[in-house]
Amino acid sequence: MPLPSPLPSPPPSPSLSAVAARLRASGCVFAEDEARLLLSAARTPGELAAMVERRAGGLPLEHVLGWAEFCGLRIAVDPGVFVPRRRTEFLARRAAALARRARGRSRAVVVDLCCGSGAVGAAVAAAVEGVELYAADVDPAAVRCARRNLASAGGRVYEGDLYGPLPAALRGRVDVLVANAPYVPTGEIGLLPPEARVHEPPAALDGGSDGLAVQRRVIGEAPRWLAPGGRLLVETGERQAPGTAEAVARAGLVPEVAVCEELYATVVVGARGGRG
């Protein structure tokens, strides 16, 4: 009786050097680091090959992996959703410090506006126990991501334009209002890396002719939502910072410009008068 034919062996997984070489040839600057992440994420050689080709084709690494690292957390990021930048960790840390101070008086109320994947809100909730967390974004795909990322913190995520979908009962109660609104001038969108301008939503990037169009709307309405002593924090560009601070002052808030040279990050903080 003939012996059964052995099953064919699965193809071997490519080596780290082979994956890195493929990524480097496609223009990936951190090819070795990305290759390690892809090798650790892929469950089969076939899945790895598909992931490598998607990345080599220009899809952001975070969209290939399905997550981004942010403030030590893994933040779910679906294709088409804005990828949280490392520089935004500065915004999250400042917001967490202010939420921690507010929690000394009562349970801190935090709103993450233009939340994208909800990375900033998730980082604040991880750093400060017991925050009352709300978030909003106009992009349905981002809202779906944010709901997953903020579920464990009890965060409530709303879909709509800026303050529009937030509960009216929050007016005058927000201790920390954080906004990573788009601030790239329209004329400079074409200068962004293809990963951003092709694979991320334009609404998350385009800040209007001077980069401040969405910020002005956020800032102008902020005093109605902030509690006495509450703070608004807005990430902005180095060139936009004077205009952001001017808008904060016009809204009746006291502006402060904070800079992190290590992360090349700028945050304008607006303080409402009152307690704290």
Protein backbone atom coordinates (compact mmCIF):
# COMPACT_ATOMS: atom_id res chain seq x y z
CA MET A 1 0.00 0.00 0.00
CA PRO A 2 1.59 3.29 -1.04
CA LEU A 3 2.37 5.79 1.68
CA PRO A 4 0.37 9.04 1.58
CA SER A 5 2.16 11.98 0.06
CA PRO A 6 3.48 14.39 2.69
CA LEU A 7 1.73 17.71 2.99
CA PRO A 8 3.66 20.55 1.36
CA SER A 9 5.69 22.61 3.80
CA PRO A 10 4.58 26.21 4.26
CA PRO A 11 6.87 28.75 2.67
CA PRO A 12 9.50 30.05 5.09
CA SER A 13 9.03 33.48 6.59
CA PRO A 14 11.28 36.14 5.12
CA SER A 15 14.15 37.17 7.33
CA LEU A 16 14.40 40.50 9.09
CA SER A 17 17.05 41.61 6.63
CA ALA A 18 14.90 40.66 3.64
CA VAL A 19 11.86 42.51 4.94
CA ALA A 20 13.96 45.55 5.84
CA ALA A 21 15.55 45.54 2.39
CA ARG A 22 12.12 45.52 0.73
CA LEU A 23 10.93 48.40 2.91
CA ARG A 24 14.13 50.39 2.42
CA ALA A 25 13.85 50.02 -1.35
CA SER A 26 10.35 51.53 -1.16
CA GLY A 27 11.66 54.58 0.75
CA CYS A 28 11.00 53.67 4.39
CA VAL A 29 13.52 55.55 6.52
CA PHE A 30 13.22 53.32 9.60
CA ALA A 31 13.14 50.07 7.65
CA GLU A 32 14.67 47.80 10.32
CA ASP A 33 12.36 49.05 13.08
CA GLU A 34 9.31 48.68 10.87
CA ALA A 35 10.41 45.22 9.74
CA ARG A 36 10.59 44.04 13.36
CA LEU A 37 7.08 45.31 14.03
CA LEU A 38 5.66 43.64 10.93
CA LEU A 39 7.40 40.35 11.71
CA SER A 40 6.01 40.37 15.25
CA ALA A 41 2.48 41.23 14.08
CA ALA A 42 2.10 38.76 11.21
CA ARG A 43 0.62 35.37 12.08
CA THR A 44 1.59 33.59 8.84
CA PRO A 45 4.15 34.09 6.08
CA GLY A 46 1.34 34.99 3.71
CA GLU A 47 -0.01 37.64 6.07
CA LEU A 48 3.50 39.04 6.49
CA ALA A 49 3.99 39.26 2.73
CA ALA A 50 0.71 41.12 2.34
CA MET A 51 1.56 43.52 5.16
CA VAL A 52 5.00 44.24 3.73
CA GLU A 53 3.55 44.98 0.31
CA ARG A 54 0.89 47.29 1.76
CA ARG A 55 3.57 49.20 3.63
CA ALA A 56 5.88 49.29 0.62
CA GLY A 57 2.96 50.63 -1.38
CA GLY A 58 2.77 53.68 0.88
CA LEU A 59 0.12 52.77 3.46
CA PRO A 60 1.08 54.21 6.86
CA LEU A 61 2.68 51.62 9.12
CA GLU A 62 0.02 52.25 11.76
CA HIS A 63 -2.74 51.45 9.29
CA VAL A 64 -0.94 48.23 8.31
CA LEU A 65 -0.52 47.17 11.94
CA GLY A 66 -3.92 48.44 13.04
CA TRP A 67 -2.48 50.40 15.96
CA ALA A 68 -0.18 53.27 16.88
CA GLU A 69 1.98 53.64 19.97
CA PHE A 70 1.08 56.79 21.90
CA CYS A 71 2.16 57.67 25.44
CA GLY A 72 2.99 54.01 26.02
CA LEU A 73 -0.46 52.86 24.88
CA ARG A 74 -1.53 50.89 21.82
CA ILE A 75 -4.16 53.01 20.12
CA ALA A 76 -6.35 51.31 17.52
CA VAL A 77 -6.07 53.10 14.17
CA ASP A 78 -8.18 51.91 11.24
CA PRO A 79 -7.33 52.67 7.59
CA GLY A 80 -8.35 56.22 6.72
CA VAL A 81 -8.15 57.48 10.30
CA PHE A 82 -5.68 60.20 11.30
CA VAL A 83 -2.58 58.67 12.89
CA PRO A 84 -1.64 60.24 16.25
CA ARG A 85 1.79 61.89 16.05
CA ARG A 86 4.47 61.54 18.67
CA ARG A 87 4.62 65.33 19.08
CA THR A 88 1.02 65.25 20.29
CA GLU A 89 2.23 63.38 23.39
CA PHE A 90 3.25 66.84 24.64
CA LEU A 91 -0.37 67.98 24.37
CA ALA A 92 -1.55 64.85 26.18
CA ARG A 93 0.95 65.23 29.02
CA ARG A 94 0.02 68.88 29.58
CA ALA A 95 -3.67 67.97 29.58
CA ALA A 96 -3.08 65.13 32.04
CA ALA A 97 -1.20 67.42 34.43
CA LEU A 98 -4.08 69.92 34.42
CA ALA A 99 -6.69 67.16 34.82
CA ARG A 100 -4.75 65.79 37.78
CA ARG A 101 -4.77 69.23 39.41
CA ALA A 102 -8.51 69.63 38.77
CA ARG A 103 -9.20 66.19 40.24
CA GLY A 104 -7.86 67.47 43.55
CA ARG A 105 -11.06 69.50 43.81
CA SER A 106 -13.52 67.04 42.26
CA ARG A 107 -13.78 64.50 39.45
CA ALA A 108 -12.09 66.20 36.47
CA VAL A 109 -14.24 66.72 33.37
CA VAL A 110 -12.13 66.34 30.21
CA VAL A 111 -13.22 66.89 26.60
CA ASP A 112 -11.10 65.71 23.65
CA LEU A 113 -12.32 67.75 20.68
CA CYS A 114 -11.32 66.81 17.10
CA CYS A 115 -10.42 63.56 18.84
CA GLY A 116 -9.50 61.40 15.84
CA SER A 117 -8.69 57.96 17.22
CA GLY A 118 -9.15 59.26 20.78
CA ALA A 119 -5.43 58.97 21.55
CA VAL A 120 -5.19 62.13 23.66
CA GLY A 121 -8.27 61.28 25.70
CA ALA A 122 -7.03 57.73 26.22
CA ALA A 123 -3.64 58.99 27.42
CA VAL A 124 -5.23 61.42 29.86
CA ALA A 125 -7.56 58.74 31.24
CA ALA A 126 -4.62 56.33 31.65
CA ALA A 127 -2.62 58.96 33.53
CA VAL A 128 -5.41 60.36 35.74
CA GLU A 129 -7.77 57.97 37.48
CA GLY A 130 -11.47 58.70 37.46
CA VAL A 131 -11.75 61.45 34.84
CA GLU A 132 -15.16 62.12 33.32
CA LEU A 133 -14.20 61.86 29.66
CA TYR A 134 -16.00 63.05 26.52
CA ALA A 135 -14.77 63.18 22.93
CA ALA A 136 -16.07 64.28 19.54
CA ASP A 137 -15.05 64.16 15.90
CA VAL A 138 -16.71 64.87 12.58
CA ASP A 139 -15.31 61.73 10.90
CA PRO A 140 -17.44 58.57 11.39
CA ALA A 141 -14.43 56.25 10.99
CA ALA A 142 -12.51 58.18 13.66
CA VAL A 143 -15.51 58.05 15.99
CA ARG A 144 -15.69 54.25 15.65
CA CYS A 145 -11.98 54.02 16.52
CA ALA A 146 -12.28 56.42 19.44
CA ARG A 147 -15.18 54.46 20.91
CA ARG A 148 -13.00 51.35 21.00
CA ASN A 149 -10.02 53.19 22.44
CA LEU A 150 -12.00 55.01 25.13
CA ALA A 151 -14.42 52.25 26.14
CA SER A 152 -12.29 50.97 29.02
CA ALA A 153 -12.12 54.50 30.47
CA GLY A 154 -15.88 54.96 30.21
CA GLY A 155 -15.38 57.72 27.63
CA ARG A 156 -18.38 58.92 25.68
CA VAL A 157 -17.69 59.69 22.03
CA TYR A 158 -19.96 61.79 19.81
CA GLU A 159 -20.05 62.26 16.04
CA GLY A 160 -20.45 65.78 14.72
CA ASP A 161 -18.86 69.15 14.12
CA LEU A 162 -16.83 70.46 17.07
CA TYR A 163 -19.10 71.25 20.05
CA GLY A 164 -22.32 70.51 18.15
CA PRO A 165 -22.84 66.90 19.31
CA LEU A 166 -21.71 67.39 22.93
CA PRO A 167 -24.36 67.29 25.69
CA ALA A 168 -25.55 70.81 26.54
CA ALA A 169 -25.17 69.91 30.23
CA LEU A 170 -21.38 70.10 29.80
CA ARG A 171 -21.47 73.87 29.26
CA GLY A 172 -19.58 75.60 32.04
CA ARG A 173 -18.37 72.29 33.52
CA VAL A 174 -15.25 71.37 31.50
CA ASP A 175 -12.00 71.47 33.46
CA VAL A 176 -9.71 70.49 30.58
CA LEU A 177 -10.69 71.06 26.95
CA VAL A 178 -8.10 69.68 24.56
CA ALA A 179 -8.15 70.12 20.78
CA ASN A 180 -5.76 68.83 18.15
CA ALA A 181 -7.60 70.68 15.39
CA PRO A 182 -6.04 70.71 11.89
CA TYR A 183 -3.51 73.51 11.45
CA VAL A 184 -1.77 72.85 8.12
CA PRO A 185 -2.45 75.75 5.71
CA THR A 186 -4.43 74.61 2.66
CA GLY A 187 -1.63 75.62 0.29
CA GLU A 188 0.84 73.37 2.11
CA ILE A 189 -1.20 70.15 2.10
CA GLY A 190 0.56 69.09 -1.09
CA LEU A 191 3.93 69.31 0.69
CA LEU A 192 2.97 66.69 3.29
CA PRO A 193 4.35 63.14 3.00
CA PRO A 194 2.18 60.89 0.81
CA GLU A 195 1.29 58.78 3.87
CA ALA A 196 -0.61 61.77 5.25
CA ARG A 197 -2.04 63.50 2.22
CA VAL A 198 -3.14 60.28 0.48
CA HIS A 199 -4.20 58.04 3.36
CA GLU A 200 -5.53 60.40 6.04
CA PRO A 201 -8.76 62.41 5.89
CA PRO A 202 -8.30 65.96 4.51
CA ALA A 203 -10.54 67.32 7.29
CA ALA A 204 -7.94 66.19 9.83
CA LEU A 205 -5.16 68.10 8.07
CA ASP A 206 -6.53 71.21 6.37
CA GLY A 207 -6.60 74.26 8.62
CA GLY A 208 -7.68 76.77 5.98
CA SER A 209 -5.68 79.51 4.29
CA ASP A 210 -3.53 80.32 7.35
CA GLY A 211 -3.96 77.07 9.26
CA LEU A 212 -6.14 78.68 11.93
CA ALA A 213 -9.66 78.39 10.53
CA VAL A 214 -10.77 75.44 12.69
CA GLN A 215 -8.76 76.60 15.69
CA ARG A 216 -10.56 79.96 15.73
CA ARG A 217 -13.92 78.17 15.90
CA VAL A 218 -12.72 75.93 18.72
CA ILE A 219 -11.26 78.84 20.67
CA GLY A 220 -14.18 81.21 20.10
CA GLU A 221 -16.71 78.87 21.71
CA ALA A 222 -14.42 77.49 24.43
CA PRO A 223 -15.34 79.99 27.21
CA ARG A 224 -18.98 78.79 27.15
CA TRP A 225 -17.85 75.24 27.92
CA LEU A 226 -15.01 75.80 30.36
CA ALA A 227 -15.60 75.69 34.09
CA PRO A 228 -14.25 78.58 36.17
CA GLY A 229 -10.48 78.03 36.23
CA GLY A 230 -10.75 75.58 33.31
CA ARG A 231 -8.10 75.31 30.62
CA LEU A 232 -8.21 75.03 26.85
CA LEU A 233 -5.19 73.35 25.22
CA VAL A 234 -4.64 73.60 21.46
CA GLU A 235 -1.80 71.98 19.55
CA THR A 236 -0.52 74.34 16.88
CA GLY A 237 2.40 74.94 14.56
CA GLU A 238 5.40 77.05 15.46
CA ARG A 239 4.44 79.64 12.81
CA GLN A 240 0.77 79.56 13.82
CA ALA A 241 1.42 79.93 17.56
CA PRO A 242 1.23 83.76 17.68
CA GLY A 243 -2.09 83.68 15.82
CA THR A 244 -3.41 80.92 18.05
CA ALA A 245 -2.45 82.86 21.18
CA GLU A 246 -4.06 86.02 19.77
CA ALA A 247 -7.32 84.12 19.15
CA VAL A 248 -7.20 82.80 22.72
CA ALA A 249 -6.80 86.32 24.10
CA ARG A 250 -9.64 87.65 21.92
CA ALA A 251 -11.90 84.95 23.36
CA GLY A 252 -11.27 86.33 26.84
CA LEU A 253 -8.91 83.58 27.99
CA VAL A 254 -5.38 84.12 29.30
CA PRO A 255 -2.93 82.63 26.77
CA GLU A 256 0.29 80.77 27.46
CA VAL A 257 2.54 79.27 24.77
CA ALA A 258 4.32 76.04 25.76
CA VAL A 259 7.04 74.50 23.60
CA CYS A 260 8.74 71.08 23.67
CA GLU A 261 11.90 71.21 21.58
CA GLU A 262 12.49 67.46 21.87
CA LEU A 263 9.17 66.64 20.18
CA TYR A 264 9.07 69.80 18.05
CA ALA A 265 5.67 70.49 19.59
CA THR A 266 3.82 73.68 20.43
CA VAL A 267 0.71 73.98 22.60
CA VAL A 268 -1.23 77.14 23.38
CA VAL A 269 -3.07 77.05 26.70
CA GLY A 270 -5.99 79.37 27.41
CA ALA A 271 -7.09 79.83 31.02
CA ARG A 272 -10.54 80.92 32.07
CA GLY A 273 -10.66 83.08 35.19
CA GLY A 274 -12.07 81.74 38.43
CA ARG A 275 -10.99 78.97 40.76
CA GLY A 276 -7.76 77.05 40.09
